[in-house]
C-alpha atoms as a PDB file:
ATOM      1  CA  UNK A   1      12.407  19.491  17.273  1.00  0.00           C
ATOM      2  CA  UNK A   2      13.223  16.446  15.821  1.00  0.00           C
ATOM      3  CA  UNK A   3      11.501  14.879  12.513  1.00  0.00           C
ATOM      4  CA  UNK A   4       9.503  12.286  12.333  1.00  0.00           C
ATOM      5  CA  UNK A   5       9.063   9.874   9.274  1.00  0.00           C
ATOM      6  CA  UNK A   6       6.013   8.246   8.783  1.00  0.00           C
ATOM      7  CA  UNK A   7       5.472   4.527   8.274  1.00  0.00           C
ATOM      8  CA  UNK A   8       7.229   4.154   4.633  1.00  0.00           C
ATOM      9  CA  UNK A   9      10.309   5.157   3.605  1.00  0.00           C
ATOM     10  CA  UNK A  10      10.323   5.891  -0.396  1.00  0.00           C
ATOM     11  CA  UNK A  11      14.095   5.607  -0.243  1.00  0.00           C
ATOM     12  CA  UNK A  12      14.158   2.060   0.999  1.00  0.00           C
ATOM     13  CA  UNK A  13      10.943   1.150  -1.248  1.00  0.00           C
ATOM     14  CA  UNK A  14      12.885   1.911  -4.247  1.00  0.00           C
ATOM     15  CA  UNK A  15      15.824  -0.583  -2.684  1.00  0.00           C
ATOM     16  CA  UNK A  16      13.468  -3.706  -2.567  1.00  0.00           C
ATOM     17  CA  UNK A  17      12.236  -3.080   1.442  1.00  0.00           C
ATOM     18  CA  UNK A  18       8.793  -3.233   1.154  1.00  0.00           C
ATOM     19  CA  UNK A  19       5.997  -4.606   3.030  1.00  0.00           C
ATOM     20  CA  UNK A  20       3.728  -7.603   2.526  1.00  0.00           C
ATOM     21  CA  UNK A  21       0.016  -7.800   3.154  1.00  0.00           C
ATOM     22  CA  UNK A  22      -1.951 -10.889   3.100  1.00  0.00           C
ATOM     23  CA  UNK A  23      -5.779 -10.989   3.017  1.00  0.00           C
ATOM     24  CA  UNK A  24      -8.468 -12.442   4.859  1.00  0.00           C
ATOM     25  CA  UNK A  25      -9.607 -14.500   1.879  1.00  0.00           C
ATOM     26  CA  UNK A  26      -6.314 -15.987   1.020  1.00  0.00           C
ATOM     27  CA  UNK A  27      -5.393 -17.201   4.586  1.00  0.00           C
ATOM     28  CA  UNK A  28      -8.413 -18.433   5.050  1.00  0.00           C
ATOM     29  CA  UNK A  29      -8.576 -20.609   1.878  1.00  0.00           C
ATOM     30  CA  UNK A  30      -5.063 -21.894   2.262  1.00  0.00           C
ATOM     31  CA  UNK A  31      -4.427 -24.734   4.070  1.00  0.00           C
ATOM     32  CA  UNK A  32      -3.382 -24.223   8.170  1.00  0.00           C
ATOM     33  CA  UNK A  33       0.212 -25.055   7.825  1.00  0.00           C
ATOM     34  CA  UNK A  34       0.237 -23.104   4.833  1.00  0.00           C
ATOM     35  CA  UNK A  35      -1.606 -20.157   5.984  1.00  0.00           C
ATOM     36  CA  UNK A  36       1.041 -20.117   8.739  1.00  0.00           C
ATOM     37  CA  UNK A  37       3.692 -20.730   6.516  1.00  0.00           C
ATOM     38  CA  UNK A  38       2.665 -17.970   3.968  1.00  0.00           C
ATOM     39  CA  UNK A  39       1.812 -15.327   7.220  1.00  0.00           C
ATOM     40  CA  UNK A  40       5.123 -15.940   9.188  1.00  0.00           C
ATOM     41  CA  UNK A  41       7.012 -15.112   6.007  1.00  0.00           C
ATOM     42  CA  UNK A  42       5.749 -11.600   5.545  1.00  0.00           C
ATOM     43  CA  UNK A  43       5.700 -10.866   9.335  1.00  0.00           C
ATOM     44  CA  UNK A  44       9.256 -11.477   9.235  1.00  0.00           C
ATOM     45  CA  UNK A  45       9.685  -9.868   6.106  1.00  0.00           C
ATOM     46  CA  UNK A  46       7.736  -6.755   7.804  1.00  0.00           C
ATOM     47  CA  UNK A  47       9.302  -6.246  10.949  1.00  0.00           C
ATOM     48  CA  UNK A  48      12.571  -6.778   8.952  1.00  0.00           C
ATOM     49  CA  UNK A  49      12.070  -3.751   6.571  1.00  0.00           C
ATOM     50  CA  UNK A  50      10.421  -1.901   9.693  1.00  0.00           C
ATOM     51  CA  UNK A  51      13.889  -2.617  11.390  1.00  0.00           C
ATOM     52  CA  UNK A  52      16.064  -1.161   8.566  1.00  0.00           C
ATOM     53  CA  UNK A  53      14.106   1.703   8.650  1.00  0.00           C
ATOM     54  CA  UNK A  54      14.699   2.341  12.017  1.00  0.00           C
ATOM     55  CA  UNK A  55      18.494   2.635  11.103  1.00  0.00           C
ATOM     56  CA  UNK A  56      17.404   4.619   8.006  1.00  0.00           C
ATOM     57  CA  UNK A  57      15.706   7.110  10.541  1.00  0.00           C
ATOM     58  CA  UNK A  58      18.639   7.218  12.798  1.00  0.00           C
ATOM     59  CA  UNK A  59      20.742   7.867  10.328  1.00  0.00           C
ATOM     60  CA  UNK A  60      18.709  10.979   9.680  1.00  0.00           C
ATOM     61  CA  UNK A  61      18.309  12.050  12.709  1.00  0.00           C
ATOM     62  CA  UNK A  62      14.572  11.864  12.868  1.00  0.00           C
ATOM     63  CA  UNK A  63      12.271   9.574  14.431  1.00  0.00           C
ATOM     64  CA  UNK A  64       9.749   7.512  13.131  1.00  0.00           C
ATOM     65  CA  UNK A  65       5.816   6.246  13.088  1.00  0.00           C
ATOM     66  CA  UNK A  66       5.727   2.756  12.863  1.00  0.00           C
ATOM     67  CA  UNK A  67       3.360   0.812  10.431  1.00  0.00           C
ATOM     68  CA  UNK A  68       0.024  -0.702  11.796  1.00  0.00           C
ATOM     69  CA  UNK A  69       0.930  -3.465   9.249  1.00  0.00           C
ATOM     70  CA  UNK A  70       3.857  -5.457  10.474  1.00  0.00           C
ATOM     71  CA  UNK A  71       1.837  -8.757  11.583  1.00  0.00           C
ATOM     72  CA  UNK A  72      -0.894  -9.171   9.248  1.00  0.00           C
ATOM     73  CA  UNK A  73      -3.986 -10.404  10.395  1.00  0.00           C
ATOM     74  CA  UNK A  74      -2.788 -10.515  13.614  1.00  0.00           C
ATOM     75  CA  UNK A  75      -6.214  -9.113  14.902  1.00  0.00           C
ATOM     76  CA  UNK A  76      -8.557 -11.050  13.001  1.00  0.00           C
ATOM     77  CA  UNK A  77     -10.462 -13.489  15.018  1.00  0.00           C
ATOM     78  CA  UNK A  78     -10.457 -16.429  12.304  1.00  0.00           C
ATOM     79  CA  UNK A  79      -7.179 -16.593  11.564  1.00  0.00           C
ATOM     80  CA  UNK A  80      -6.009 -17.351  15.189  1.00  0.00           C
ATOM     81  CA  UNK A  81      -2.633 -16.015  15.430  1.00  0.00           C
ATOM     82  CA  UNK A  82       0.207 -14.807  17.648  1.00  0.00           C
ATOM     83  CA  UNK A  83       4.159 -15.118  16.908  1.00  0.00           C
ATOM     84  CA  UNK A  84       4.247 -17.601  18.830  1.00  0.00           C
ATOM     85  CA  UNK A  85       2.496 -19.797  16.141  1.00  0.00           C
ATOM     86  CA  UNK A  86       4.331 -18.920  13.468  1.00  0.00           C
ATOM     87  CA  UNK A  87       7.458 -21.216  11.917  1.00  0.00           C
ATOM     88  CA  UNK A  88       9.411 -18.138  11.863  1.00  0.00           C
ATOM     89  CA  UNK A  89       8.895 -17.611  15.604  1.00  0.00           C
ATOM     90  CA  UNK A  90      12.451 -17.293  16.203  1.00  0.00           C
ATOM     91  CA  UNK A  91      13.300 -15.394  13.566  1.00  0.00           C
ATOM     92  CA  UNK A  92      10.995 -12.917  14.113  1.00  0.00           C
ATOM     93  CA  UNK A  93      11.589 -12.261  17.493  1.00  0.00           C
ATOM     94  CA  UNK A  94      15.105 -11.587  16.743  1.00  0.00           C
ATOM     95  CA  UNK A  95      14.356  -8.910  14.231  1.00  0.00           C
ATOM     96  CA  UNK A  96      12.309  -7.063  17.026  1.00  0.00           C
ATOM     97  CA  UNK A  97      15.675  -7.381  19.600  1.00  0.00           C
ATOM     98  CA  UNK A  98      17.167  -6.011  16.783  1.00  0.00           C
ATOM     99  CA  UNK A  99      15.166  -3.378  15.967  1.00  0.00           C
ATOM    100  CA  UNK A 100      14.702  -2.639  19.864  1.00  0.00           C
ATOM    101  CA  UNK A 101      18.739  -2.226  20.102  1.00  0.00           C
ATOM    102  CA  UNK A 102      18.982   0.139  17.009  1.00  0.00           C
ATOM    103  CA  UNK A 103      15.983   2.134  19.056  1.00  0.00           C
ATOM    104  CA  UNK A 104      17.854   2.420  22.407  1.00  0.00           C
ATOM    105  CA  UNK A 105      21.430   2.467  20.983  1.00  0.00           C
ATOM    106  CA  UNK A 106      20.090   5.826  19.083  1.00  0.00           C
ATOM    107  CA  UNK A 107      17.227   7.283  21.089  1.00  0.00           C
ATOM    108  CA  UNK A 108      14.956   6.777  18.523  1.00  0.00           C
ATOM    109  CA  UNK A 109      11.674   8.211  19.052  1.00  0.00           C
ATOM    110  CA  UNK A 110       8.805   5.374  17.918  1.00  0.00           C
ATOM    111  CA  UNK A 111       4.944   6.031  18.086  1.00  0.00           C
ATOM    112  CA  UNK A 112       2.335   3.889  16.544  1.00  0.00           C
ATOM    113  CA  UNK A 113      -1.423   5.173  14.361  1.00  0.00           C
ATOM    114  CA  UNK A 114      -3.985   2.895  14.700  1.00  0.00           C
ATOM    115  CA  UNK A 115      -6.034   3.096  11.334  1.00  0.00           C
ATOM    116  CA  UNK A 116      -9.646   5.175  11.732  1.00  0.00           C
ATOM    117  CA  UNK A 117     -11.685   1.967  12.366  1.00  0.00           C
ATOM    118  CA  UNK A 118     -10.219   1.984  16.289  1.00  0.00           C
ATOM    119  CA  UNK A 119     -13.181   3.514  17.823  1.00  0.00           C
ATOM    120  CA  UNK A 120     -13.440   2.714  21.428  1.00  0.00           C
ATOM    121  CA  UNK A 121     -16.286   5.415  21.927  1.00  0.00           C
ATOM    122  CA  UNK A 122     -17.847   3.583  19.434  1.00  0.00           C
ATOM    123  CA  UNK A 123     -21.887   2.824  20.398  1.00  0.00           C
ATOM    124  CA  UNK A 124     -21.352  -0.550  18.848  1.00  0.00           C
ATOM    125  CA  UNK A 125     -20.068  -3.462  20.539  1.00  0.00           C
ATOM    126  CA  UNK A 126     -18.213  -5.060  18.265  1.00  0.00           C
ATOM    127  CA  UNK A 127     -16.583  -2.049  17.178  1.00  0.00           C
ATOM    128  CA  UNK A 128     -15.369  -1.655  20.631  1.00  0.00           C
ATOM    129  CA  UNK A 129     -14.449  -5.018  20.852  1.00  0.00           C
ATOM    130  CA  UNK A 130     -12.530  -5.014  18.037  1.00  0.00           C
ATOM    131  CA  UNK A 131     -11.187  -1.076  18.514  1.00  0.00           C
ATOM    132  CA  UNK A 132      -9.548  -3.079  22.070  1.00  0.00           C
ATOM    133  CA  UNK A 133      -8.060  -6.148  20.380  1.00  0.00           C
ATOM    134  CA  UNK A 134      -6.479  -3.484  17.842  1.00  0.00           C
ATOM    135  CA  UNK A 135      -5.126  -1.295  20.521  1.00  0.00           C
ATOM    136  CA  UNK A 136      -3.465  -4.273  22.450  1.00  0.00           C
ATOM    137  CA  UNK A 137      -2.049  -5.614  19.148  1.00  0.00           C
ATOM    138  CA  UNK A 138       0.315  -2.041  18.613  1.00  0.00           C
ATOM    139  CA  UNK A 139       0.803  -2.056  22.471  1.00  0.00           C
ATOM    140  CA  UNK A 140       2.311  -5.742  21.896  1.00  0.00           C
ATOM    141  CA  UNK A 141       4.787  -4.758  18.894  1.00  0.00           C
ATOM    142  CA  UNK A 142       5.834  -1.688  20.689  1.00  0.00           C
ATOM    143  CA  UNK A 143       6.550  -3.776  23.618  1.00  0.00           C
ATOM    144  CA  UNK A 144       8.541  -6.338  21.659  1.00  0.00           C
ATOM    145  CA  UNK A 145      10.833  -3.428  20.290  1.00  0.00           C
ATOM    146  CA  UNK A 146      11.517  -2.302  23.768  1.00  0.00           C
ATOM    147  CA  UNK A 147       9.416   0.805  23.723  1.00  0.00           C
ATOM    148  CA  UNK A 148       8.574   2.480  27.023  1.00  0.00           C
ATOM    149  CA  UNK A 149       5.110   2.147  28.143  1.00  0.00           C
ATOM    150  CA  UNK A 150       4.678   5.652  28.524  1.00  0.00           C
ATOM    151  CA  UNK A 151       3.821   9.210  26.174  1.00  0.00           C
ATOM    152  CA  UNK A 152       7.861   9.125  24.958  1.00  0.00           C
ATOM    153  CA  UNK A 153       6.321   6.380  22.555  1.00  0.00           C
ATOM    154  CA  UNK A 154       2.378   7.362  22.044  1.00  0.00           C
ATOM    155  CA  UNK A 155      -0.276   5.516  20.320  1.00  0.00           C
ATOM    156  CA  UNK A 156      -1.979   8.282  18.605  1.00  0.00           C
ATOM    157  CA  UNK A 157      -5.938   7.711  17.663  1.00  0.00           C
ATOM    158  CA  UNK A 158      -9.332   9.520  16.800  1.00  0.00           C
ATOM    159  CA  UNK A 159     -12.442   9.730  18.862  1.00  0.00           C
ATOM    160  CA  UNK A 160     -13.909   9.039  15.250  1.00  0.00           C
ATOM    161  CA  UNK A 161     -17.137   9.234  16.554  1.00  0.00           C
ATOM    162  CA  UNK A 162     -19.924  12.356  15.836  1.00  0.00           C
ATOM    163  CA  UNK A 163     -22.996  10.751  16.269  1.00  0.00           C
ATOM    164  CA  UNK A 164     -24.915  11.691  19.998  1.00  0.00           C
ATOM    165  CA  UNK A 165     -24.269  14.128  22.619  1.00  0.00           C
ATOM    166  CA  UNK A 166     -20.613  14.765  22.818  1.00  0.00           C
ATOM    167  CA  UNK A 167     -20.593  14.600  27.117  1.00  0.00           C
ATOM    168  CA  UNK A 168     -22.171  10.807  26.203  1.00  0.00           C
ATOM    169  CA  UNK A 169     -19.530   9.549  23.352  1.00  0.00           C
ATOM    170  CA  UNK A 170     -16.875  11.154  26.004  1.00  0.00           C
ATOM    171  CA  UNK A 171     -18.305   9.144  28.811  1.00  0.00           C
ATOM    172  CA  UNK A 172     -18.317   5.599  26.787  1.00  0.00           C
ATOM    173  CA  UNK A 173     -14.861   6.496  25.527  1.00  0.00           C
ATOM    174  CA  UNK A 174     -13.593   6.563  29.665  1.00  0.00           C
ATOM    175  CA  UNK A 175     -15.386   3.659  30.269  1.00  0.00           C
ATOM    176  CA  UNK A 176     -13.114   1.668  28.245  1.00  0.00           C
ATOM    177  CA  UNK A 177     -10.012   3.640  28.347  1.00  0.00           C
ATOM    178  CA  UNK A 178     -10.220   2.932  32.474  1.00  0.00           C
ATOM    179  CA  UNK A 179     -10.001  -0.927  31.270  1.00  0.00           C
ATOM    180  CA  UNK A 180      -7.091  -0.856  29.080  1.00  0.00           C
ATOM    181  CA  UNK A 181      -4.134  -3.052  30.393  1.00  0.00           C
ATOM    182  CA  UNK A 182      -1.589  -0.709  31.442  1.00  0.00           C
ATOM    183  CA  UNK A 183       0.785  -0.863  27.606  1.00  0.00           C
ATOM    184  CA  UNK A 184      -1.918   0.738  26.217  1.00  0.00           C
ATOM    185  CA  UNK A 185      -3.475   2.878  28.759  1.00  0.00           C
ATOM    186  CA  UNK A 186       0.112   4.280  29.261  1.00  0.00           C
ATOM    187  CA  UNK A 187       0.669   5.343  25.990  1.00  0.00           C
ATOM    188  CA  UNK A 188      -2.620   6.246  24.558  1.00  0.00           C
ATOM    189  CA  UNK A 189      -2.969  10.134  22.970  1.00  0.00           C
ATOM    190  CA  UNK A 190      -5.880  11.729  21.479  1.00  0.00           C
ATOM    191  CA  UNK A 191      -5.815  13.886  18.032  1.00  0.00           C
ATOM    192  CA  UNK A 192      -7.677  16.647  17.225  1.00  0.00           C
ATOM    193  CA  UNK A 193     -10.106  15.707  14.625  1.00  0.00           C
ATOM    194  CA  UNK A 194     -10.295  17.433  10.980  1.00  0.00           C
ATOM    195  CA  UNK A 195     -14.206  17.500  10.374  1.00  0.00           C
ATOM    196  CA  UNK A 196     -15.823  20.447  11.343  1.00  0.00           C
ATOM    197  CA  UNK A 197     -17.667  21.333  14.395  1.00  0.00           C
ATOM    198  CA  UNK A 198     -16.345  17.521  15.440  1.00  0.00           C
ATOM    199  CA  UNK A 199     -13.857  16.289  18.255  1.00  0.00           C
ATOM    200  CA  UNK A 200     -11.449  20.088  18.049  1.00  0.00           C
ATOM    201  CA  UNK A 201      -9.343  21.287  20.843  1.00  0.00           C
ATOM    202  CA  UNK A 202     -11.609  22.307  23.261  1.00  0.00           C
ATOM    203  CA  UNK A 203     -14.077  19.366  22.990  1.00  0.00           C
ATOM    204  CA  UNK A 204     -10.666  16.980  23.601  1.00  0.00           C
ATOM    205  CA  UNK A 205      -9.461  19.315  26.361  1.00  0.00           C
ATOM    206  CA  UNK A 206     -12.480  19.574  28.601  1.00  0.00           C
ATOM    207  CA  UNK A 207     -14.228  16.293  27.983  1.00  0.00           C
ATOM    208  CA  UNK A 208     -11.367  14.189  27.985  1.00  0.00           C
ATOM    209  CA  UNK A 209      -8.346  15.524  29.281  1.00  0.00           C
ATOM    210  CA  UNK A 210      -9.680  17.168  31.951  1.00  0.00           C
ATOM    211  CA  UNK A 211     -11.369  13.897  33.207  1.00  0.00           C
ATOM    212  CA  UNK A 212      -8.095  11.432  32.572  1.00  0.00           C
ATOM    213  CA  UNK A 213      -4.900  13.294  31.743  1.00  0.00           C
ATOM    214  CA  UNK A 214      -4.753  12.020  27.901  1.00  0.00           C
ATOM    215  CA  UNK A 215      -2.895  14.518  25.848  1.00  0.00           C
ATOM    216  CA  UNK A 216      -3.816  16.014  23.012  1.00  0.00           C
ATOM    217  CA  UNK A 217      -2.221  15.702  19.866  1.00  0.00           C
ATOM    218  CA  UNK A 218      -2.033  18.726  17.841  1.00  0.00           C
ATOM    219  CA  UNK A 219      -2.420  18.370  14.418  1.00  0.00           C
ATOM    220  CA  UNK A 220      -1.276  21.746  12.472  1.00  0.00           C
ATOM    221  CA  UNK A 221      -4.138  21.272   9.201  1.00  0.00           C
ATOM    222  CA  UNK A 222      -6.532  19.495  11.341  1.00  0.00           C
ATOM    223  CA  UNK A 223      -6.617  22.369  13.594  1.00  0.00           C
ATOM    224  CA  UNK A 224      -7.077  24.542  10.683  1.00  0.00           C
ATOM    225  CA  UNK A 225      -9.649  22.724   9.257  1.00  0.00           C
ATOM    226  CA  UNK A 226     -11.511  22.456  12.779  1.00  0.00           C
ATOM    227  CA  UNK A 227     -12.021  25.679  15.034  1.00  0.00           C
ATOM    228  CA  UNK A 228     -15.051  26.799  15.804  1.00  0.00           C
ATOM    229  CA  UNK A 229     -13.907  28.807  18.730  1.00  0.00           C
ATOM    230  CA  UNK A 230     -11.473  30.815  16.218  1.00  0.00           C
ATOM    231  CA  UNK A 231      -8.610  29.791  18.422  1.00  0.00           C
ATOM    232  CA  UNK A 232      -5.324  31.453  17.529  1.00  0.00           C
ATOM    233  CA  UNK A 233      -2.831  28.432  16.570  1.00  0.00           C
ATOM    234  CA  UNK A 234       0.131  29.488  18.651  1.00  0.00           C
ATOM    235  CA  UNK A 235      -2.985  29.484  21.967  1.00  0.00           C
ATOM    236  CA  UNK A 236      -3.880  26.160  20.759  1.00  0.00           C
ATOM    237  CA  UNK A 237      -0.439  24.372  20.235  1.00  0.00           C
ATOM    238  CA  UNK A 238       0.065  25.944  23.998  1.00  0.00           C
ATOM    239  CA  UNK A 239      -2.897  24.240  25.600  1.00  0.00           C
ATOM    240  CA  UNK A 240      -2.147  20.868  23.425  1.00  0.00           C
ATOM    241  CA  UNK A 241       1.406  21.030  24.958  1.00  0.00           C
ATOM    242  CA  UNK A 242       0.311  21.690  28.634  1.00  0.00           C
ATOM    243  CA  UNK A 243      -1.823  18.518  28.207  1.00  0.00           C
ATOM    244  CA  UNK A 244       1.954  16.257  27.759  1.00  0.00           C
ATOM    245  CA  UNK A 245       3.007  17.232  31.009  1.00  0.00           C
ATOM    246  CA  UNK A 246       6.311  16.437  31.689  1.00  0.00           C
ATOM    247  CA  UNK A 247       6.576  14.581  28.331  1.00  0.00           C
ATOM    248  CA  UNK A 248       7.490  16.053  25.143  1.00  0.00           C
ATOM    249  CA  UNK A 249       4.946  16.448  22.836  1.00  0.00           C
ATOM    250  CA  UNK A 250       4.633  14.788  19.517  1.00  0.00           C
ATOM    251  CA  UNK A 251       2.800  16.859  16.849  1.00  0.00           C
ATOM    252  CA  UNK A 252       1.494  16.128  13.132  1.00  0.00           C
ATOM    253  CA  UNK A 253       2.255  18.373  10.323  1.00  0.00           C
ATOM    254  CA  UNK A 254       0.746  18.504   6.527  1.00  0.00           C
ATOM    255  CA  UNK A 255      -0.980  20.650   4.253  1.00  0.00           C
ATOM    256  CA  UNK A 256      -4.184  20.452   2.236  1.00  0.00           C
ATOM    257  CA  UNK A 257      -3.403  18.508  -1.354  1.00  0.00           C
ATOM    258  CA  UNK A 258      -5.024  21.415  -3.211  1.00  0.00           C
ATOM    259  CA  UNK A 259      -5.269  23.783  -0.473  1.00  0.00           C
ATOM    260  CA  UNK A 260      -5.736  24.675   3.049  1.00  0.00           C
ATOM    261  CA  UNK A 261      -9.275  23.359   2.719  1.00  0.00           C
ATOM    262  CA  UNK A 262      -8.284  20.040   1.308  1.00  0.00           C
ATOM    263  CA  UNK A 263      -8.834  17.256   3.760  1.00  0.00           C
ATOM    264  CA  UNK A 264      -6.197  14.953   1.586  1.00  0.00           C
ATOM    265  CA  UNK A 265      -2.768  15.745   2.442  1.00  0.00           C
ATOM    266  CA  UNK A 266      -0.259  17.709  -0.372  1.00  0.00           C
ATOM    267  CA  UNK A 267       2.893  15.192  -1.260  1.00  0.00           C
ATOM    268  CA  UNK A 268       5.032  18.372  -0.070  1.00  0.00           C
ATOM    269  CA  UNK A 269       5.251  20.970   2.129  1.00  0.00           C
ATOM    270  CA  UNK A 270       4.163  24.802   0.547  1.00  0.00           C
ATOM    271  CA  UNK A 271       3.031  26.186   3.678  1.00  0.00           C
ATOM    272  CA  UNK A 272       4.877  26.482   6.963  1.00  0.00           C
ATOM    273  CA  UNK A 273       2.923  26.310  10.309  1.00  0.00           C
ATOM    274  CA  UNK A 274       4.898  28.318  12.097  1.00  0.00           C
ATOM    275  CA  UNK A 275       3.813  27.720  15.412  1.00  0.00           C
ATOM    276  CA  UNK A 276       5.191  23.933  15.146  1.00  0.00           C
ATOM    277  CA  UNK A 277       8.599  25.257  14.528  1.00  0.00           C
ATOM    278  CA  UNK A 278       9.043  27.549  17.585  1.00  0.00           C
ATOM    279  CA  UNK A 279       8.009  25.433  20.277  1.00  0.00           C
ATOM    280  CA  UNK A 280       9.862  22.455  21.653  1.00  0.00           C
ATOM    281  CA  UNK A 281       7.881  19.667  20.312  1.00  0.00           C
ATOM    282  CA  UNK A 282       8.646  16.565  18.121  1.00  0.00           C
ATOM    283  CA  UNK A 283       6.901  16.877  14.362  1.00  0.00           C
ATOM    284  CA  UNK A 284       5.475  13.860  12.526  1.00  0.00           C
ATOM    285  CA  UNK A 285       5.662  14.537   8.737  1.00  0.00           C
ATOM    286  CA  UNK A 286       2.412  13.279   7.485  1.00  0.00           C
ATOM    287  CA  UNK A 287       3.273  14.521   3.531  1.00  0.00           C
ATOM    288  CA  UNK A 288       2.572  12.053   1.136  1.00  0.00           C
ATOM    289  CA  UNK A 289       5.981  11.964  -0.053  1.00  0.00           C
ATOM    290  CA  UNK A 290       7.761  10.494   3.217  1.00  0.00           C
ATOM    291  CA  UNK A 291      11.448  10.991   3.313  1.00  0.00           C
ATOM    292  CA  UNK A 292      11.675  12.832  -0.010  1.00  0.00           C
ATOM    293  CA  UNK A 293       9.205  15.638   1.614  1.00  0.00           C
ATOM    294  CA  UNK A 294      11.071  15.900   4.940  1.00  0.00           C
ATOM    295  CA  UNK A 295      13.982  16.003   2.433  1.00  0.00           C
ATOM    296  CA  UNK A 296      12.975  18.807   0.700  1.00  0.00           C
ATOM    297  CA  UNK A 297      11.799  20.681   3.450  1.00  0.00           C
ATOM    298  CA  UNK A 298      15.231  20.609   4.880  1.00  0.00           C
ATOM    299  CA  UNK A 299      16.692  21.862   1.643  1.00  0.00           C
ATOM    300  CA  UNK A 300      13.862  24.855   1.172  1.00  0.00           C
ATOM    301  CA  UNK A 301      12.660  26.129   4.965  1.00  0.00           C
ATOM    302  CA  UNK A 302      15.663  25.127   7.189  1.00  0.00           C
ATOM    303  CA  UNK A 303      18.173  27.413   5.688  1.00  0.00           C
END
């Protein structure tokens, strides 16, 4: 089992490795040349930070979940952006190559987790269209880092769609999924939801996995918040593992901030979800203290 750092290293931030963002308003206010220059510099910085985080994780023996914000405003239609229009494109592509080399040399497993607004099953056409654009952008970045087009490098999303009949929602999702390009389709996995009576294990297993083969991401905290069938954690994780076929599953681990029923994540581990550590899986540590949480876990629970 390998642990994964999610998006940010607090230790690297303290050394000045911080990602930059840019607002839509700021970009559109600037003259086009200045706007491109600004977003280009920030993208170069962000890819550089990601590459240094690869090296940091490799030194720790960890995997890494790539941040979703490497290229600010990349999917904003009004910005009309691509890597090739950025003034620093050559330096940016060189950083991607450096990152790809680190990943390959260290056998670093990387994933992404597009945000909650990515909802391919939405009944709203504009939401579906934006979701498709976002997923394609994530897949492009993974390709630039040389990551495999397979579940070895998963792109993890939630169904995040609750209104209406679940069978209708599943059909909408599958219709969109079937049209995804291969670099999205070959990586896409679906995570257990944390909202009660929503997209938990049985719905995902019966309505999505059995019809598409899409793996299910077991999230130990979400499972405890949304388990209407009262399945044991031991059985649930084995069911999710089955869906990954020949690929090693990448699952999620967190504790509730104030207790087991709190959906927010705690800073550090205080409850060991043993099923995660008794099976051959990799684990994303979704704790707010990031790398400090993993190190504290290794000290307190892996003696």
